[in-house]
C-alpha atoms as a PDB file:
ATOM      1  CA  UNK A   1      -0.030  -0.166  -0.084  1.00  0.00           C
ATOM      2  CA  UNK A   2       2.548   2.340   0.647  1.00  0.00           C
ATOM      3  CA  UNK A   3       3.887   2.075  -3.461  1.00  0.00           C
ATOM      4  CA  UNK A   4       0.904   2.314  -4.564  1.00  0.00           C
ATOM      5  CA  UNK A   5       0.132   5.285  -2.273  1.00  0.00           C
ATOM      6  CA  UNK A   6       3.695   7.013  -3.384  1.00  0.00           C
ATOM      7  CA  UNK A   7       2.516   6.231  -6.927  1.00  0.00           C
ATOM      8  CA  UNK A   8      -0.860   7.748  -6.779  1.00  0.00           C
ATOM      9  CA  UNK A   9       0.244  10.950  -4.806  1.00  0.00           C
ATOM     10  CA  UNK A  10      -2.048   9.883  -2.057  1.00  0.00           C
ATOM     11  CA  UNK A  11      -1.966   8.659   1.504  1.00  0.00           C
ATOM     12  CA  UNK A  12      -1.989   5.091   2.476  1.00  0.00           C
ATOM     13  CA  UNK A  13      -5.165   5.082   4.100  1.00  0.00           C
ATOM     14  CA  UNK A  14      -6.613   6.477   1.255  1.00  0.00           C
ATOM     15  CA  UNK A  15      -5.049   3.604  -0.575  1.00  0.00           C
ATOM     16  CA  UNK A  16      -6.731   0.854   1.600  1.00  0.00           C
ATOM     17  CA  UNK A  17     -10.175   2.933   1.551  1.00  0.00           C
ATOM     18  CA  UNK A  18      -9.969   2.784  -2.189  1.00  0.00           C
ATOM     19  CA  UNK A  19      -8.623  -1.046  -2.383  1.00  0.00           C
ATOM     20  CA  UNK A  20     -10.896  -1.766  -0.029  1.00  0.00           C
ATOM     21  CA  UNK A  21     -14.154  -0.648  -1.590  1.00  0.00           C
ATOM     22  CA  UNK A  22     -15.364   1.295   0.937  1.00  0.00           C
ATOM     23  CA  UNK A  23     -18.110   2.826   0.162  1.00  0.00           C
ATOM     24  CA  UNK A  24     -18.453   5.234   3.155  1.00  0.00           C
ATOM     25  CA  UNK A  25     -15.326   6.992   2.158  1.00  0.00           C
ATOM     26  CA  UNK A  26     -15.250  10.871   0.907  1.00  0.00           C
ATOM     27  CA  UNK A  27     -13.086  10.746  -1.606  1.00  0.00           C
ATOM     28  CA  UNK A  28     -13.592  12.127  -5.439  1.00  0.00           C
ATOM     29  CA  UNK A  29     -13.445   9.779  -8.617  1.00  0.00           C
ATOM     30  CA  UNK A  30     -10.212  10.927  -9.649  1.00  0.00           C
ATOM     31  CA  UNK A  31      -8.387  10.002  -6.495  1.00  0.00           C
ATOM     32  CA  UNK A  32      -9.920   6.261  -6.737  1.00  0.00           C
ATOM     33  CA  UNK A  33      -9.111   6.329 -10.834  1.00  0.00           C
ATOM     34  CA  UNK A  34      -5.175   7.406  -9.316  1.00  0.00           C
ATOM     35  CA  UNK A  35      -4.966   4.993  -6.970  1.00  0.00           C
ATOM     36  CA  UNK A  36      -6.469   2.141  -9.066  1.00  0.00           C
ATOM     37  CA  UNK A  37      -4.660   3.063 -11.787  1.00  0.00           C
ATOM     38  CA  UNK A  38      -1.517   2.644  -9.580  1.00  0.00           C
ATOM     39  CA  UNK A  39      -2.357  -0.334  -8.454  1.00  0.00           C
ATOM     40  CA  UNK A  40      -2.592  -1.981 -11.741  1.00  0.00           C
ATOM     41  CA  UNK A  41       0.684  -0.637 -12.955  1.00  0.00           C
ATOM     42  CA  UNK A  42       2.509  -1.833 -10.019  1.00  0.00           C
ATOM     43  CA  UNK A  43       0.528  -5.027  -9.580  1.00  0.00           C
ATOM     44  CA  UNK A  44      -1.009  -5.260  -6.777  1.00  0.00           C
ATOM     45  CA  UNK A  45      -2.914  -8.291  -5.674  1.00  0.00           C
ATOM     46  CA  UNK A  46      -6.740  -6.754  -5.369  1.00  0.00           C
ATOM     47  CA  UNK A  47      -8.277  -8.586  -2.377  1.00  0.00           C
ATOM     48  CA  UNK A  48     -12.275  -8.254  -2.687  1.00  0.00           C
ATOM     49  CA  UNK A  49     -14.018  -7.641   0.691  1.00  0.00           C
ATOM     50  CA  UNK A  50     -18.060  -7.147  -0.310  1.00  0.00           C
ATOM     51  CA  UNK A  51     -18.569 -10.716   0.143  1.00  0.00           C
ATOM     52  CA  UNK A  52     -15.653 -11.907   3.087  1.00  0.00           C
ATOM     53  CA  UNK A  53     -17.299 -13.371   5.867  1.00  0.00           C
ATOM     54  CA  UNK A  54     -15.697 -13.579   9.498  1.00  0.00           C
ATOM     55  CA  UNK A  55     -12.340 -15.373   9.131  1.00  0.00           C
ATOM     56  CA  UNK A  56     -13.416 -16.598  12.973  1.00  0.00           C
ATOM     57  CA  UNK A  57     -16.642 -18.065  12.624  1.00  0.00           C
ATOM     58  CA  UNK A  58     -19.486 -15.747  13.852  1.00  0.00           C
ATOM     59  CA  UNK A  59     -17.625 -13.309  16.161  1.00  0.00           C
ATOM     60  CA  UNK A  60     -17.923 -10.342  17.195  1.00  0.00           C
ATOM     61  CA  UNK A  61     -15.666  -7.417  17.645  1.00  0.00           C
ATOM     62  CA  UNK A  62     -15.673  -5.276  21.030  1.00  0.00           C
ATOM     63  CA  UNK A  63     -15.260  -1.206  20.998  1.00  0.00           C
ATOM     64  CA  UNK A  64     -14.357  -0.450  24.547  1.00  0.00           C
ATOM     65  CA  UNK A  65     -13.991   3.296  25.003  1.00  0.00           C
ATOM     66  CA  UNK A  66     -13.284   5.101  27.827  1.00  0.00           C
ATOM     67  CA  UNK A  67     -15.953   7.689  27.835  1.00  0.00           C
ATOM     68  CA  UNK A  68     -18.935   8.203  25.289  1.00  0.00           C
ATOM     69  CA  UNK A  69     -20.835  11.277  27.141  1.00  0.00           C
ATOM     70  CA  UNK A  70     -18.904  14.140  27.603  1.00  0.00           C
ATOM     71  CA  UNK A  71     -17.993  14.808  24.193  1.00  0.00           C
ATOM     72  CA  UNK A  72     -19.355  13.323  21.078  1.00  0.00           C
ATOM     73  CA  UNK A  73     -15.949  11.674  19.755  1.00  0.00           C
ATOM     74  CA  UNK A  74     -16.148   7.967  20.490  1.00  0.00           C
ATOM     75  CA  UNK A  75     -20.270   7.718  19.705  1.00  0.00           C
ATOM     76  CA  UNK A  76     -18.891   8.733  16.203  1.00  0.00           C
ATOM     77  CA  UNK A  77     -15.985   6.251  16.287  1.00  0.00           C
ATOM     78  CA  UNK A  78     -18.035   3.693  17.265  1.00  0.00           C
ATOM     79  CA  UNK A  79     -20.982   4.322  14.583  1.00  0.00           C
ATOM     80  CA  UNK A  80     -18.274   4.209  11.675  1.00  0.00           C
ATOM     81  CA  UNK A  81     -16.878   0.851  13.498  1.00  0.00           C
ATOM     82  CA  UNK A  82     -20.237  -0.281  13.638  1.00  0.00           C
ATOM     83  CA  UNK A  83     -21.246   0.642  10.207  1.00  0.00           C
ATOM     84  CA  UNK A  84     -18.026  -1.647   8.517  1.00  0.00           C
ATOM     85  CA  UNK A  85     -18.617  -4.638  10.373  1.00  0.00           C
ATOM     86  CA  UNK A  86     -22.036  -4.830   9.431  1.00  0.00           C
ATOM     87  CA  UNK A  87     -21.115  -4.765   6.192  1.00  0.00           C
ATOM     88  CA  UNK A  88     -19.356  -7.948   6.366  1.00  0.00           C
ATOM     89  CA  UNK A  89     -21.907  -9.261   8.789  1.00  0.00           C
ATOM     90  CA  UNK A  90     -20.219  -8.307  11.912  1.00  0.00           C
ATOM     91  CA  UNK A  91     -21.462  -7.407  15.022  1.00  0.00           C
ATOM     92  CA  UNK A  92     -20.034  -4.964  17.323  1.00  0.00           C
ATOM     93  CA  UNK A  93     -20.467  -4.665  20.751  1.00  0.00           C
ATOM     94  CA  UNK A  94     -19.991  -1.957  23.028  1.00  0.00           C
ATOM     95  CA  UNK A  95     -18.154  -1.560  26.572  1.00  0.00           C
ATOM     96  CA  UNK A  96     -17.686   1.697  28.491  1.00  0.00           C
ATOM     97  CA  UNK A  97     -14.462   1.319  30.714  1.00  0.00           C
ATOM     98  CA  UNK A  98     -13.915   5.086  32.687  1.00  0.00           C
ATOM     99  CA  UNK A  99     -10.021   3.757  31.962  1.00  0.00           C
ATOM    100  CA  UNK A 100     -10.330   1.336  34.835  1.00  0.00           C
ATOM    101  CA  UNK A 101      -8.555  -1.802  34.659  1.00  0.00           C
ATOM    102  CA  UNK A 102     -11.248  -3.818  36.365  1.00  0.00           C
ATOM    103  CA  UNK A 103     -13.812  -2.682  34.552  1.00  0.00           C
ATOM    104  CA  UNK A 104     -12.068  -3.544  31.282  1.00  0.00           C
ATOM    105  CA  UNK A 105     -11.467  -7.202  32.811  1.00  0.00           C
ATOM    106  CA  UNK A 106     -15.380  -7.226  33.301  1.00  0.00           C
ATOM    107  CA  UNK A 107     -16.289  -6.173  30.220  1.00  0.00           C
ATOM    108  CA  UNK A 108     -14.352  -8.910  28.683  1.00  0.00           C
ATOM    109  CA  UNK A 109     -15.745 -11.785  30.918  1.00  0.00           C
ATOM    110  CA  UNK A 110     -19.584 -10.172  30.344  1.00  0.00           C
ATOM    111  CA  UNK A 111     -18.657 -11.237  26.716  1.00  0.00           C
ATOM    112  CA  UNK A 112     -16.621 -14.393  27.143  1.00  0.00           C
ATOM    113  CA  UNK A 113     -19.457 -16.702  25.809  1.00  0.00           C
ATOM    114  CA  UNK A 114     -19.047 -14.788  22.281  1.00  0.00           C
ATOM    115  CA  UNK A 115     -16.369 -16.211  20.298  1.00  0.00           C
ATOM    116  CA  UNK A 116     -14.138 -11.903  19.639  1.00  0.00           C
ATOM    117  CA  UNK A 117     -12.285 -11.362  16.848  1.00  0.00           C
ATOM    118  CA  UNK A 118     -10.890  -8.191  18.070  1.00  0.00           C
ATOM    119  CA  UNK A 119     -10.810  -5.259  20.321  1.00  0.00           C
ATOM    120  CA  UNK A 120     -10.763  -1.640  19.087  1.00  0.00           C
ATOM    121  CA  UNK A 121      -9.791   0.230  22.430  1.00  0.00           C
ATOM    122  CA  UNK A 122     -10.893   4.116  22.038  1.00  0.00           C
ATOM    123  CA  UNK A 123      -9.599   6.936  24.207  1.00  0.00           C
ATOM    124  CA  UNK A 124     -11.693  10.356  24.391  1.00  0.00           C
ATOM    125  CA  UNK A 125      -8.525  12.496  24.279  1.00  0.00           C
ATOM    126  CA  UNK A 126      -5.575  11.287  21.985  1.00  0.00           C
ATOM    127  CA  UNK A 127      -2.675   9.927  24.398  1.00  0.00           C
ATOM    128  CA  UNK A 128      -0.441   7.235  25.140  1.00  0.00           C
ATOM    129  CA  UNK A 129      -1.906   4.328  26.729  1.00  0.00           C
ATOM    130  CA  UNK A 130      -0.990   1.634  29.044  1.00  0.00           C
ATOM    131  CA  UNK A 131      -2.229  -2.012  27.880  1.00  0.00           C
ATOM    132  CA  UNK A 132      -4.723  -3.479  30.160  1.00  0.00           C
ATOM    133  CA  UNK A 133      -3.452  -7.075  31.129  1.00  0.00           C
ATOM    134  CA  UNK A 134      -6.932  -8.103  30.169  1.00  0.00           C
ATOM    135  CA  UNK A 135      -6.348  -7.024  26.696  1.00  0.00           C
ATOM    136  CA  UNK A 136      -2.566  -7.505  25.675  1.00  0.00           C
ATOM    137  CA  UNK A 137      -3.620 -10.927  24.231  1.00  0.00           C
ATOM    138  CA  UNK A 138      -6.453 -10.228  22.167  1.00  0.00           C
ATOM    139  CA  UNK A 139      -6.086  -8.720  18.253  1.00  0.00           C
ATOM    140  CA  UNK A 140      -6.413  -5.471  18.957  1.00  0.00           C
ATOM    141  CA  UNK A 141      -6.135  -1.910  17.646  1.00  0.00           C
ATOM    142  CA  UNK A 142      -5.823   1.321  19.683  1.00  0.00           C
ATOM    143  CA  UNK A 143      -8.493   4.542  18.385  1.00  0.00           C
ATOM    144  CA  UNK A 144      -7.360   7.653  19.079  1.00  0.00           C
ATOM    145  CA  UNK A 145      -4.458   6.536  21.492  1.00  0.00           C
ATOM    146  CA  UNK A 146      -1.334   4.625  21.303  1.00  0.00           C
ATOM    147  CA  UNK A 147       1.178   1.897  23.148  1.00  0.00           C
ATOM    148  CA  UNK A 148       4.955   3.109  24.269  1.00  0.00           C
ATOM    149  CA  UNK A 149       6.144   0.353  22.376  1.00  0.00           C
ATOM    150  CA  UNK A 150       3.808   0.632  19.306  1.00  0.00           C
ATOM    151  CA  UNK A 151       3.346  -3.094  19.639  1.00  0.00           C
ATOM    152  CA  UNK A 152      -0.453  -2.794  18.547  1.00  0.00           C
ATOM    153  CA  UNK A 153      -2.365  -0.953  15.510  1.00  0.00           C
ATOM    154  CA  UNK A 154      -3.473   2.761  16.232  1.00  0.00           C
ATOM    155  CA  UNK A 155      -5.500   4.786  14.128  1.00  0.00           C
ATOM    156  CA  UNK A 156      -5.202   8.373  15.030  1.00  0.00           C
ATOM    157  CA  UNK A 157      -6.566  12.017  14.044  1.00  0.00           C
ATOM    158  CA  UNK A 158      -3.877  14.596  11.401  1.00  0.00           C
ATOM    159  CA  UNK A 159      -3.553  16.955  13.790  1.00  0.00           C
ATOM    160  CA  UNK A 160      -0.719  18.235  12.187  1.00  0.00           C
ATOM    161  CA  UNK A 161      -1.556  18.295   8.852  1.00  0.00           C
ATOM    162  CA  UNK A 162      -4.635  19.960  10.431  1.00  0.00           C
ATOM    163  CA  UNK A 163      -2.853  22.435  12.520  1.00  0.00           C
ATOM    164  CA  UNK A 164      -0.802  23.565   8.483  1.00  0.00           C
ATOM    165  CA  UNK A 165      -4.179  23.361   6.680  1.00  0.00           C
ATOM    166  CA  UNK A 166      -5.683  25.583   8.588  1.00  0.00           C
ATOM    167  CA  UNK A 167      -2.934  28.073   8.915  1.00  0.00           C
ATOM    168  CA  UNK A 168      -2.395  27.845   4.896  1.00  0.00           C
ATOM    169  CA  UNK A 169      -6.148  28.142   4.463  1.00  0.00           C
ATOM    170  CA  UNK A 170      -5.604  31.850   5.992  1.00  0.00           C
ATOM    171  CA  UNK A 171      -2.392  32.576   4.793  1.00  0.00           C
ATOM    172  CA  UNK A 172      -4.304  32.151   1.096  1.00  0.00           C
ATOM    173  CA  UNK A 173      -7.082  33.769   1.546  1.00  0.00           C
ATOM    174  CA  UNK A 174      -4.579  36.962   1.890  1.00  0.00           C
ATOM    175  CA  UNK A 175      -4.177  37.135   6.067  1.00  0.00           C
ATOM    176  CA  UNK A 176      -0.573  38.423   7.229  1.00  0.00           C
ATOM    177  CA  UNK A 177      -0.705  37.902  10.562  1.00  0.00           C
ATOM    178  CA  UNK A 178      -2.145  34.501  12.359  1.00  0.00           C
ATOM    179  CA  UNK A 179      -3.096  34.316  15.559  1.00  0.00           C
ATOM    180  CA  UNK A 180      -3.199  31.014  17.474  1.00  0.00           C
ATOM    181  CA  UNK A 181      -5.164  30.005  20.322  1.00  0.00           C
ATOM    182  CA  UNK A 182      -3.937  26.504  21.663  1.00  0.00           C
ATOM    183  CA  UNK A 183      -5.567  24.015  23.974  1.00  0.00           C
ATOM    184  CA  UNK A 184      -4.588  22.337  26.735  1.00  0.00           C
ATOM    185  CA  UNK A 185      -1.063  22.499  27.664  1.00  0.00           C
ATOM    186  CA  UNK A 186       0.263  18.627  27.497  1.00  0.00           C
ATOM    187  CA  UNK A 187      -2.739  16.943  25.360  1.00  0.00           C
ATOM    188  CA  UNK A 188      -1.167  15.682  22.016  1.00  0.00           C
ATOM    189  CA  UNK A 189      -3.783  17.532  19.847  1.00  0.00           C
ATOM    190  CA  UNK A 190      -2.969  20.852  21.377  1.00  0.00           C
ATOM    191  CA  UNK A 191       0.783  19.668  21.099  1.00  0.00           C
ATOM    192  CA  UNK A 192       0.269  18.271  17.056  1.00  0.00           C
ATOM    193  CA  UNK A 193      -2.223  21.593  16.129  1.00  0.00           C
ATOM    194  CA  UNK A 194       0.882  24.247  17.126  1.00  0.00           C
ATOM    195  CA  UNK A 195       3.151  21.666  15.391  1.00  0.00           C
ATOM    196  CA  UNK A 196       1.465  22.251  11.692  1.00  0.00           C
ATOM    197  CA  UNK A 197       0.651  26.104  12.840  1.00  0.00           C
ATOM    198  CA  UNK A 198       4.418  26.501  12.736  1.00  0.00           C
ATOM    199  CA  UNK A 199       4.846  24.931   9.871  1.00  0.00           C
ATOM    200  CA  UNK A 200       2.920  26.451   7.975  1.00  0.00           C
ATOM    201  CA  UNK A 201       4.506  29.935   8.644  1.00  0.00           C
ATOM    202  CA  UNK A 202       7.792  28.622   7.865  1.00  0.00           C
ATOM    203  CA  UNK A 203       6.558  26.682   4.745  1.00  0.00           C
ATOM    204  CA  UNK A 204       5.488  30.273   3.708  1.00  0.00           C
ATOM    205  CA  UNK A 205       8.450  32.111   5.061  1.00  0.00           C
ATOM    206  CA  UNK A 206       6.640  33.927   7.921  1.00  0.00           C
ATOM    207  CA  UNK A 207       9.098  33.917  10.675  1.00  0.00           C
ATOM    208  CA  UNK A 208       7.110  32.456  14.081  1.00  0.00           C
ATOM    209  CA  UNK A 209       5.859  35.511  16.550  1.00  0.00           C
ATOM    210  CA  UNK A 210       5.548  33.866  19.776  1.00  0.00           C
ATOM    211  CA  UNK A 211       3.217  36.712  20.920  1.00  0.00           C
ATOM    212  CA  UNK A 212       0.907  35.643  18.589  1.00  0.00           C
ATOM    213  CA  UNK A 213       0.414  32.284  20.255  1.00  0.00           C
ATOM    214  CA  UNK A 214      -1.822  32.032  23.332  1.00  0.00           C
ATOM    215  CA  UNK A 215      -2.608  29.274  25.661  1.00  0.00           C
ATOM    216  CA  UNK A 216      -6.600  27.899  25.622  1.00  0.00           C
ATOM    217  CA  UNK A 217      -8.648  24.861  27.878  1.00  0.00           C
ATOM    218  CA  UNK A 218     -10.451  24.088  24.528  1.00  0.00           C
ATOM    219  CA  UNK A 219     -13.645  25.961  26.009  1.00  0.00           C
ATOM    220  CA  UNK A 220     -15.456  29.184  25.204  1.00  0.00           C
ATOM    221  CA  UNK A 221     -13.651  31.588  28.231  1.00  0.00           C
ATOM    222  CA  UNK A 222     -10.488  30.825  26.874  1.00  0.00           C
ATOM    223  CA  UNK A 223     -11.500  31.876  23.368  1.00  0.00           C
ATOM    224  CA  UNK A 224     -12.664  35.083  24.714  1.00  0.00           C
ATOM    225  CA  UNK A 225      -9.779  35.955  26.910  1.00  0.00           C
ATOM    226  CA  UNK A 226      -7.207  34.567  24.448  1.00  0.00           C
ATOM    227  CA  UNK A 227      -8.836  37.015  21.748  1.00  0.00           C
ATOM    228  CA  UNK A 228      -8.979  39.893  23.465  1.00  0.00           C
ATOM    229  CA  UNK A 229      -4.819  39.744  24.739  1.00  0.00           C
ATOM    230  CA  UNK A 230      -4.206  38.796  20.900  1.00  0.00           C
ATOM    231  CA  UNK A 231      -6.285  42.178  19.556  1.00  0.00           C
ATOM    232  CA  UNK A 232      -4.585  44.104  22.598  1.00  0.00           C
ATOM    233  CA  UNK A 233      -1.004  43.690  20.733  1.00  0.00           C
ATOM    234  CA  UNK A 234       0.656  46.685  18.963  1.00  0.00           C
ATOM    235  CA  UNK A 235       0.262  44.573  16.120  1.00  0.00           C
ATOM    236  CA  UNK A 236      -2.744  42.404  16.275  1.00  0.00           C
ATOM    237  CA  UNK A 237      -3.706  39.678  14.336  1.00  0.00           C
ATOM    238  CA  UNK A 238      -5.744  39.988  11.061  1.00  0.00           C
ATOM    239  CA  UNK A 239      -6.698  36.435  11.129  1.00  0.00           C
ATOM    240  CA  UNK A 240      -7.058  33.571  14.412  1.00  0.00           C
ATOM    241  CA  UNK A 241      -6.713  29.887  14.138  1.00  0.00           C
ATOM    242  CA  UNK A 242      -8.436  28.335  17.233  1.00  0.00           C
ATOM    243  CA  UNK A 243      -7.415  24.648  18.071  1.00  0.00           C
ATOM    244  CA  UNK A 244     -11.070  23.946  18.796  1.00  0.00           C
ATOM    245  CA  UNK A 245     -14.705  25.329  17.834  1.00  0.00           C
ATOM    246  CA  UNK A 246     -15.768  26.031  21.346  1.00  0.00           C
ATOM    247  CA  UNK A 247     -13.287  28.499  21.541  1.00  0.00           C
ATOM    248  CA  UNK A 248     -13.342  30.104  18.329  1.00  0.00           C
ATOM    249  CA  UNK A 249     -17.146  30.508  19.947  1.00  0.00           C
ATOM    250  CA  UNK A 250     -15.629  32.786  22.689  1.00  0.00           C
ATOM    251  CA  UNK A 251     -13.158  34.509  20.219  1.00  0.00           C
ATOM    252  CA  UNK A 252     -16.555  35.227  17.867  1.00  0.00           C
ATOM    253  CA  UNK A 253     -18.008  37.134  21.165  1.00  0.00           C
ATOM    254  CA  UNK A 254     -14.488  39.123  22.154  1.00  0.00           C
ATOM    255  CA  UNK A 255     -14.046  40.698  18.052  1.00  0.00           C
ATOM    256  CA  UNK A 256     -17.963  41.262  18.048  1.00  0.00           C
ATOM    257  CA  UNK A 257     -17.313  43.405  22.008  1.00  0.00           C
ATOM    258  CA  UNK A 258     -14.552  45.050  20.312  1.00  0.00           C
ATOM    259  CA  UNK A 259     -16.687  46.136  17.145  1.00  0.00           C
ATOM    260  CA  UNK A 260     -14.673  44.105  14.687  1.00  0.00           C
ATOM    261  CA  UNK A 261     -16.539  42.046  11.699  1.00  0.00           C
ATOM    262  CA  UNK A 262     -15.837  38.479  10.958  1.00  0.00           C
ATOM    263  CA  UNK A 263     -14.216  38.042   8.310  1.00  0.00           C
ATOM    264  CA  UNK A 264     -13.771  41.638   7.117  1.00  0.00           C
ATOM    265  CA  UNK A 265     -11.265  42.523   9.720  1.00  0.00           C
ATOM    266  CA  UNK A 266     -10.565  39.403  11.465  1.00  0.00           C
ATOM    267  CA  UNK A 267     -11.015  35.788   9.917  1.00  0.00           C
ATOM    268  CA  UNK A 268     -11.244  33.011  12.186  1.00  0.00           C
ATOM    269  CA  UNK A 269     -10.825  29.089  11.542  1.00  0.00           C
ATOM    270  CA  UNK A 270     -11.904  26.437  14.294  1.00  0.00           C
ATOM    271  CA  UNK A 271     -10.820  22.698  14.630  1.00  0.00           C
ATOM    272  CA  UNK A 272     -13.277  19.695  15.182  1.00  0.00           C
ATOM    273  CA  UNK A 273     -16.279  20.655  12.855  1.00  0.00           C
ATOM    274  CA  UNK A 274     -18.696  20.607  15.795  1.00  0.00           C
ATOM    275  CA  UNK A 275     -22.577  21.114  14.805  1.00  0.00           C
ATOM    276  CA  UNK A 276     -22.484  24.330  16.522  1.00  0.00           C
ATOM    277  CA  UNK A 277     -19.946  25.546  13.960  1.00  0.00           C
ATOM    278  CA  UNK A 278     -22.222  25.807  10.951  1.00  0.00           C
ATOM    279  CA  UNK A 279     -24.849  27.724  13.361  1.00  0.00           C
ATOM    280  CA  UNK A 280     -22.741  30.207  14.161  1.00  0.00           C
ATOM    281  CA  UNK A 281     -22.773  33.705  12.904  1.00  0.00           C
ATOM    282  CA  UNK A 282     -20.971  33.930   9.946  1.00  0.00           C
ATOM    283  CA  UNK A 283     -20.810  30.134   9.384  1.00  0.00           C
ATOM    284  CA  UNK A 284     -17.585  28.959  10.908  1.00  0.00           C
ATOM    285  CA  UNK A 285     -14.757  27.413   8.456  1.00  0.00           C
ATOM    286  CA  UNK A 286     -12.605  24.520  10.505  1.00  0.00           C
ATOM    287  CA  UNK A 287     -11.374  21.361   9.991  1.00  0.00           C
ATOM    288  CA  UNK A 288     -13.619  17.994  10.829  1.00  0.00           C
ATOM    289  CA  UNK A 289     -11.817  15.878  13.387  1.00  0.00           C
ATOM    290  CA  UNK A 290     -12.668  12.281  11.408  1.00  0.00           C
ATOM    291  CA  UNK A 291     -13.872  10.241  14.115  1.00  0.00           C
ATOM    292  CA  UNK A 292     -16.034   8.408  12.124  1.00  0.00           C
ATOM    293  CA  UNK A 293     -13.569   7.509   9.369  1.00  0.00           C
ATOM    294  CA  UNK A 294     -11.034   6.421  12.304  1.00  0.00           C
ATOM    295  CA  UNK A 295     -13.347   3.475  13.576  1.00  0.00           C
ATOM    296  CA  UNK A 296     -13.887   2.337  10.580  1.00  0.00           C
ATOM    297  CA  UNK A 297     -10.467   1.818   9.471  1.00  0.00           C
ATOM    298  CA  UNK A 298      -9.983   0.590  13.265  1.00  0.00           C
ATOM    299  CA  UNK A 299     -12.290  -2.356  11.871  1.00  0.00           C
ATOM    300  CA  UNK A 300     -10.241  -2.508   8.710  1.00  0.00           C
ATOM    301  CA  UNK A 301      -7.372  -3.156   9.836  1.00  0.00           C
ATOM    302  CA  UNK A 302      -8.702  -5.923  12.585  1.00  0.00           C
ATOM    303  CA  UNK A 303     -10.135  -7.520   9.157  1.00  0.00           C
ATOM    304  CA  UNK A 304      -6.985  -7.286   7.776  1.00  0.00           C
ATOM    305  CA  UNK A 305      -5.181  -9.308  10.961  1.00  0.00           C
ATOM    306  CA  UNK A 306      -7.679 -12.112  11.145  1.00  0.00           C
ATOM    307  CA  UNK A 307      -7.143 -12.482   7.081  1.00  0.00           C
ATOM    308  CA  UNK A 308      -3.526 -12.554   7.628  1.00  0.00           C
ATOM    309  CA  UNK A 309      -2.943  -9.196   5.577  1.00  0.00           C
ATOM    310  CA  UNK A 310      -0.689  -7.406   7.943  1.00  0.00           C
ATOM    311  CA  UNK A 311       2.785  -8.538   9.516  1.00  0.00           C
ATOM    312  CA  UNK A 312       3.976  -5.616  11.551  1.00  0.00           C
ATOM    313  CA  UNK A 313       1.863  -2.941  13.740  1.00  0.00           C
ATOM    314  CA  UNK A 314       1.069   0.194  11.530  1.00  0.00           C
ATOM    315  CA  UNK A 315       0.213   3.911  12.814  1.00  0.00           C
ATOM    316  CA  UNK A 316      -2.249   5.492  10.401  1.00  0.00           C
ATOM    317  CA  UNK A 317      -3.519   9.073  10.668  1.00  0.00           C
ATOM    318  CA  UNK A 318      -6.730   9.947   9.268  1.00  0.00           C
ATOM    319  CA  UNK A 319      -5.917  13.801   7.444  1.00  0.00           C
ATOM    320  CA  UNK A 320      -8.362  15.950   8.880  1.00  0.00           C
ATOM    321  CA  UNK A 321     -10.906  17.559   5.810  1.00  0.00           C
ATOM    322  CA  UNK A 322     -11.261  21.070   5.404  1.00  0.00           C
ATOM    323  CA  UNK A 323     -14.688  22.671   5.543  1.00  0.00           C
ATOM    324  CA  UNK A 324     -14.738  25.963   4.326  1.00  0.00           C
ATOM    325  CA  UNK A 325     -17.347  28.679   5.370  1.00  0.00           C
ATOM    326  CA  UNK A 326     -17.866  32.726   5.421  1.00  0.00           C
ATOM    327  CA  UNK A 327     -15.790  32.944   8.678  1.00  0.00           C
ATOM    328  CA  UNK A 328     -12.529  32.908   6.564  1.00  0.00           C
ATOM    329  CA  UNK A 329     -14.148  34.911   3.267  1.00  0.00           C
ATOM    330  CA  UNK A 330     -15.218  31.358   1.804  1.00  0.00           C
ATOM    331  CA  UNK A 331     -18.925  29.354   1.730  1.00  0.00           C
ATOM    332  CA  UNK A 332     -17.263  25.969  -0.118  1.00  0.00           C
ATOM    333  CA  UNK A 333     -17.315  22.653   1.594  1.00  0.00           C
ATOM    334  CA  UNK A 334     -13.898  21.444   0.303  1.00  0.00           C
ATOM    335  CA  UNK A 335     -12.781  17.464   0.961  1.00  0.00           C
ATOM    336  CA  UNK A 336      -9.806  16.067   1.940  1.00  0.00           C
ATOM    337  CA  UNK A 337      -8.529  12.568   1.624  1.00  0.00           C
ATOM    338  CA  UNK A 338      -6.762  10.272   4.360  1.00  0.00           C
ATOM    339  CA  UNK A 339      -3.213  10.293   5.334  1.00  0.00           C
ATOM    340  CA  UNK A 340      -0.918   7.639   6.708  1.00  0.00           C
ATOM    341  CA  UNK A 341       1.441   8.468   9.254  1.00  0.00           C
END
């Protein structure tokens, strides 16, 4: 898949989605054509999965999450995983562990009479996890998390590329001075989105200015307070990248209080594409957090492992789709593909 991806100019995850015949992937016809042509030119052996059945009999896949209530992300990931599993006639069972090893062991014990094909283990925050002893011997894919030794497959959001895409979108819109309100310190998503922001500046020959970066906490209040600080600078930004949509809400309020118009005076972009983003005034440009696609990819990896198609653990990063709305001066939606890391 890496060779096909390089030849087609796409990511490894995109190759996986195309060659597996995934119906839910939002890919253009041109992208599919390039992948199929590259695969044919390289002599790739196609594996038709449309009629594939569970390699282990009538087994099930367990989806285990540390939390599903405070944010929609794990619910979206479960939906993607379930839809992929149902496409090949496999049941998906869900358990919420609250990151408690004893609860996780009890969840597995509760499914003891059901043949288990594999486990998708997901976390609400992108982070390093310690694999519970009860899961160590299972076929497993880590979703939105990873283990220290990288002994298991992991599926992660492409936060670095997303941060770069968001910043470059503002620069391409003609903005010269882009501020950044980051998320909670020490969180992988915040670290990687900042890294992407810096990459975009460097690739456009713009010096990094630490004064334009403000710490946040993912909440609207931080977006509000940090926007006031940014706009109080002697040379304030003409665009602000908020590391999530909730902080963009607060950013809007602060700009409105200052009598500034979005996007005429200050362009704003968020991250996550929460439902509220499309209803903000003006509607917020943002990056999709692709948990649905990540769930589908996780199940695909389990099926590939069960069928003997993988020889070593892989880490796949799914690219975040840019959705252009009026807050950056555009109302068109743009779809990006998936990326492997």
